[in-house]
């Protein structure tokens, strides 16, 4: 008879590391600021820190976690297809939802391109690079949904319609990264989604 305190637990420490560090980074981002700029903080937390962990702690090549060009032909094709499908949906959603207009109108201005880049580049690497490919090594295609869950939860506080959509959007971004073996094309798509939403919600198109 097994003891009550006898456990047969075997963990993949790289998967555990990716899970814990990602969770801690999201918590730190929510409660602290370091540089005086939220987007610069996120660039450091979501790009520099994961790269440090991958290279120094895990002693692996970031390319194994999607930090590479990957299949650029498929990447550009998928980016164009997803943007073409997403644009009209975003147009009607941002135009018709007052909460999105209120949330995003302040971003409309010359700071938008730089803001979106700093906000999303590290964000996409953490979810569609590091977390996705860390989980993929252990769980295969299930990694697509596993990385989409914390991605969706990290949107809580944003307009409800956007937050609900992120579980599926996170899966789609992950699918693009999975196919191309690179987080870059998910970043391109997310950049368009974010910037286009701000422009429409802010009334840039009338």
Protein backbone atom coordinates (compact mmCIF):
# COMPACT_ATOMS: atom_id res chain seq x y z
CA UNK A 1 0.00 0.00 0.00
CA UNK A 2 1.36 3.34 -1.03
CA UNK A 3 1.99 6.00 1.57
CA UNK A 4 -0.37 8.96 1.59
CA UNK A 5 2.63 11.14 0.84
CA UNK A 6 4.03 9.00 -1.96
CA UNK A 7 3.85 10.77 -5.30
CA UNK A 8 5.07 9.66 -8.69
CA UNK A 9 5.64 13.03 -10.29
CA UNK A 10 7.91 13.67 -13.24
CA UNK A 11 8.11 17.15 -14.69
CA UNK A 12 9.74 18.58 -17.77
CA UNK A 13 11.70 21.35 -16.08
CA UNK A 14 11.90 23.44 -19.26
CA UNK A 15 8.12 23.42 -19.59
CA UNK A 16 7.78 24.26 -15.90
CA UNK A 17 10.28 27.09 -16.28
CA UNK A 18 8.42 28.58 -19.25
CA UNK A 19 5.10 28.35 -17.39
CA UNK A 20 6.29 29.87 -14.12
CA UNK A 21 8.42 32.62 -15.66
CA UNK A 22 5.66 33.64 -18.09
CA UNK A 23 3.13 33.80 -15.26
CA UNK A 24 5.48 35.85 -13.09
CA UNK A 25 6.21 38.26 -15.94
CA UNK A 26 2.49 38.87 -16.46
CA UNK A 27 2.05 39.51 -12.73
CA UNK A 28 5.04 41.86 -12.58
CA UNK A 29 3.70 43.76 -15.59
CA UNK A 30 0.34 44.22 -13.83
CA UNK A 31 1.73 45.48 -10.54
CA UNK A 32 5.00 47.29 -11.27
CA UNK A 33 6.67 49.81 -13.58
CA UNK A 34 10.41 50.27 -14.00
CA UNK A 35 11.26 52.62 -16.84
CA UNK A 36 8.33 55.03 -16.64
CA UNK A 37 7.01 53.61 -19.91
CA UNK A 38 4.55 50.72 -19.89
CA UNK A 39 5.44 49.59 -23.39
CA UNK A 40 9.19 49.74 -22.73
CA UNK A 41 8.64 47.71 -19.57
CA UNK A 42 6.78 45.10 -21.62
CA UNK A 43 9.49 45.02 -24.27
CA UNK A 44 12.01 44.19 -21.54
CA UNK A 45 9.78 41.77 -19.63
CA UNK A 46 8.38 39.87 -22.60
CA UNK A 47 11.39 39.85 -24.93
CA UNK A 48 14.65 40.47 -23.09
CA UNK A 49 13.87 38.35 -20.02
CA UNK A 50 12.64 35.28 -21.96
CA UNK A 51 15.66 35.49 -24.27
CA UNK A 52 17.92 35.65 -21.22
CA UNK A 53 16.25 32.58 -19.72
CA UNK A 54 16.46 30.64 -22.99
CA UNK A 55 20.12 31.48 -23.65
CA UNK A 56 21.60 31.62 -20.14
CA UNK A 57 19.38 29.34 -18.04
CA UNK A 58 18.15 26.77 -20.55
CA UNK A 59 21.26 27.10 -22.73
CA UNK A 60 19.28 26.75 -25.93
CA UNK A 61 19.08 28.56 -29.24
CA UNK A 62 16.20 31.10 -29.43
CA UNK A 63 15.60 29.84 -32.98
CA UNK A 64 14.14 26.69 -31.41
CA UNK A 65 11.49 28.94 -29.89
CA UNK A 66 10.47 30.68 -33.10
CA UNK A 67 13.03 33.50 -33.03
CA UNK A 68 13.86 33.13 -36.72
CA UNK A 69 12.53 33.93 -40.18
CA UNK A 70 11.09 30.45 -40.61
CA UNK A 71 9.05 29.60 -43.70
CA UNK A 72 8.77 33.17 -44.97
CA UNK A 73 6.77 32.32 -48.08
CA UNK A 74 4.05 30.60 -46.06
CA UNK A 75 4.36 33.33 -43.44
CA UNK A 76 3.70 36.18 -45.85
CA UNK A 77 0.85 34.29 -47.52
CA UNK A 78 -0.84 33.50 -44.21
CA UNK A 79 -0.31 37.05 -42.99
CA UNK A 80 -2.04 38.44 -46.08
CA UNK A 81 -4.94 35.96 -45.86
CA UNK A 82 -5.60 36.54 -42.16
CA UNK A 83 -5.42 40.33 -42.53
CA UNK A 84 -7.85 40.24 -45.47
CA UNK A 85 -10.33 38.23 -43.41
CA UNK A 86 -9.81 40.19 -40.19
CA UNK A 87 -10.05 43.72 -41.62
CA UNK A 88 -13.82 43.84 -42.27
CA UNK A 89 -14.57 42.09 -38.97
CA UNK A 90 -12.43 44.60 -37.08
CA UNK A 91 -14.04 47.48 -38.97
CA UNK A 92 -17.58 46.61 -37.96
CA UNK A 93 -16.60 45.61 -34.42
CA UNK A 94 -14.58 48.74 -33.65
CA UNK A 95 -17.17 50.97 -35.31
CA UNK A 96 -20.08 49.42 -33.51
CA UNK A 97 -18.73 48.95 -30.00
CA UNK A 98 -18.60 52.08 -27.85
CA UNK A 99 -16.39 50.42 -25.24
CA UNK A 100 -13.67 49.80 -27.83
CA UNK A 101 -13.87 53.38 -29.04
CA UNK A 102 -13.50 54.69 -25.50
CA UNK A 103 -10.65 52.32 -24.71
CA UNK A 104 -8.53 52.97 -27.80
CA UNK A 105 -9.17 56.55 -28.87
CA UNK A 106 -6.36 57.93 -26.70
CA UNK A 107 -3.78 55.98 -28.71
CA UNK A 108 -4.61 57.65 -32.00
CA UNK A 109 -1.67 59.87 -32.94
CA UNK A 110 1.95 59.86 -34.14
CA UNK A 111 3.00 57.64 -31.24
CA UNK A 112 0.90 54.73 -32.53
CA UNK A 113 3.47 52.85 -34.71
CA UNK A 114 6.19 52.85 -32.06
CA UNK A 115 3.76 52.08 -29.26
CA UNK A 116 2.32 49.07 -31.06
CA UNK A 117 5.78 47.71 -31.91
CA UNK A 118 7.10 47.95 -28.34
CA UNK A 119 3.87 46.62 -26.89
CA UNK A 120 3.52 43.61 -29.18
CA UNK A 121 6.94 42.41 -30.31
CA UNK A 122 7.94 40.93 -26.97
CA UNK A 123 4.34 39.95 -26.25
CA UNK A 124 4.18 37.83 -29.39
CA UNK A 125 7.58 36.28 -28.78
CA UNK A 126 6.60 35.23 -25.27
CA UNK A 127 3.31 33.62 -26.29
CA UNK A 128 3.84 32.52 -29.91
CA UNK A 129 7.54 31.89 -29.54
CA UNK A 130 8.79 30.79 -26.16
CA UNK A 131 5.58 29.44 -24.58
CA UNK A 132 4.17 27.85 -27.74
CA UNK A 133 7.31 25.95 -28.70
CA UNK A 134 8.15 25.02 -25.11
CA UNK A 135 4.71 23.43 -24.81
CA UNK A 136 4.91 21.92 -28.29
CA UNK A 137 7.94 19.85 -27.27
CA UNK A 138 5.92 18.29 -24.47
CA UNK A 139 2.30 18.38 -25.64
CA UNK A 140 2.40 18.60 -29.44
CA UNK A 141 -0.52 20.41 -31.13
CA UNK A 142 -2.30 20.87 -27.77
CA UNK A 143 0.24 23.64 -27.23
CA UNK A 144 -1.85 25.82 -29.55
CA UNK A 145 -4.69 25.95 -27.02
CA UNK A 146 -2.48 25.88 -23.94
CA UNK A 147 -0.68 29.09 -24.91
CA UNK A 148 -3.97 30.75 -25.91
CA UNK A 149 -5.41 30.49 -22.39
CA UNK A 150 -2.95 32.80 -20.55
CA UNK A 151 -2.99 35.06 -23.61
CA UNK A 152 -6.77 35.47 -23.23
CA UNK A 153 -6.60 35.94 -19.46
CA UNK A 154 -3.98 38.68 -19.94
CA UNK A 155 -6.63 40.67 -21.84
CA UNK A 156 -9.01 40.90 -18.89
CA UNK A 157 -9.71 44.59 -18.34
CA UNK A 158 -9.95 45.33 -22.05
CA UNK A 159 -13.34 45.58 -23.82
CA UNK A 160 -15.30 42.38 -23.28
CA UNK A 161 -15.83 41.58 -26.95
CA UNK A 162 -12.08 41.75 -27.54
CA UNK A 163 -11.23 39.62 -24.51
CA UNK A 164 -13.68 36.89 -25.52
CA UNK A 165 -12.21 36.78 -29.02
CA UNK A 166 -8.63 36.35 -27.82
CA UNK A 167 -8.93 32.65 -26.97
CA UNK A 168 -9.64 32.02 -30.65
CA UNK A 169 -7.33 34.77 -31.88
CA UNK A 170 -4.55 33.37 -29.70
CA UNK A 171 -5.09 29.95 -31.24
CA UNK A 172 -4.99 31.43 -34.75
CA UNK A 173 -1.80 33.39 -34.05
CA UNK A 174 -0.31 30.21 -32.62
CA UNK A 175 -1.34 28.23 -35.68
CA UNK A 176 0.49 30.68 -37.95
CA UNK A 177 3.60 30.45 -35.74
CA UNK A 178 3.33 26.65 -35.69
CA UNK A 179 3.12 26.45 -39.48
CA UNK A 180 5.97 28.85 -40.14
CA UNK A 181 8.13 27.89 -37.13
CA UNK A 182 8.43 31.61 -36.39
CA UNK A 183 6.61 34.09 -34.15
CA UNK A 184 7.26 36.94 -36.60
CA UNK A 185 4.20 36.43 -38.80
CA UNK A 186 1.88 36.25 -35.80
CA UNK A 187 3.48 39.54 -34.75
CA UNK A 188 2.79 41.11 -38.16
CA UNK A 189 -0.86 40.03 -37.97
CA UNK A 190 -1.26 41.20 -34.38
CA UNK A 191 0.39 44.52 -35.25
CA UNK A 192 -2.17 45.07 -37.99
CA UNK A 193 -5.07 44.02 -35.75
CA UNK A 194 -4.02 46.37 -32.95
CA UNK A 195 -3.18 49.36 -35.15
CA UNK A 196 -6.22 49.00 -37.39
CA UNK A 197 -8.51 48.69 -34.38
CA UNK A 198 -7.11 51.89 -32.89
CA UNK A 199 -7.47 53.76 -36.18
CA UNK A 200 -11.08 52.65 -36.68
CA UNK A 201 -12.11 53.08 -33.03
CA UNK A 202 -10.39 56.46 -32.89
CA UNK A 203 -12.24 57.73 -35.95
CA UNK A 204 -9.24 58.04 -38.23
CA UNK A 205 -11.36 56.91 -41.18
CA UNK A 206 -14.24 59.23 -40.45
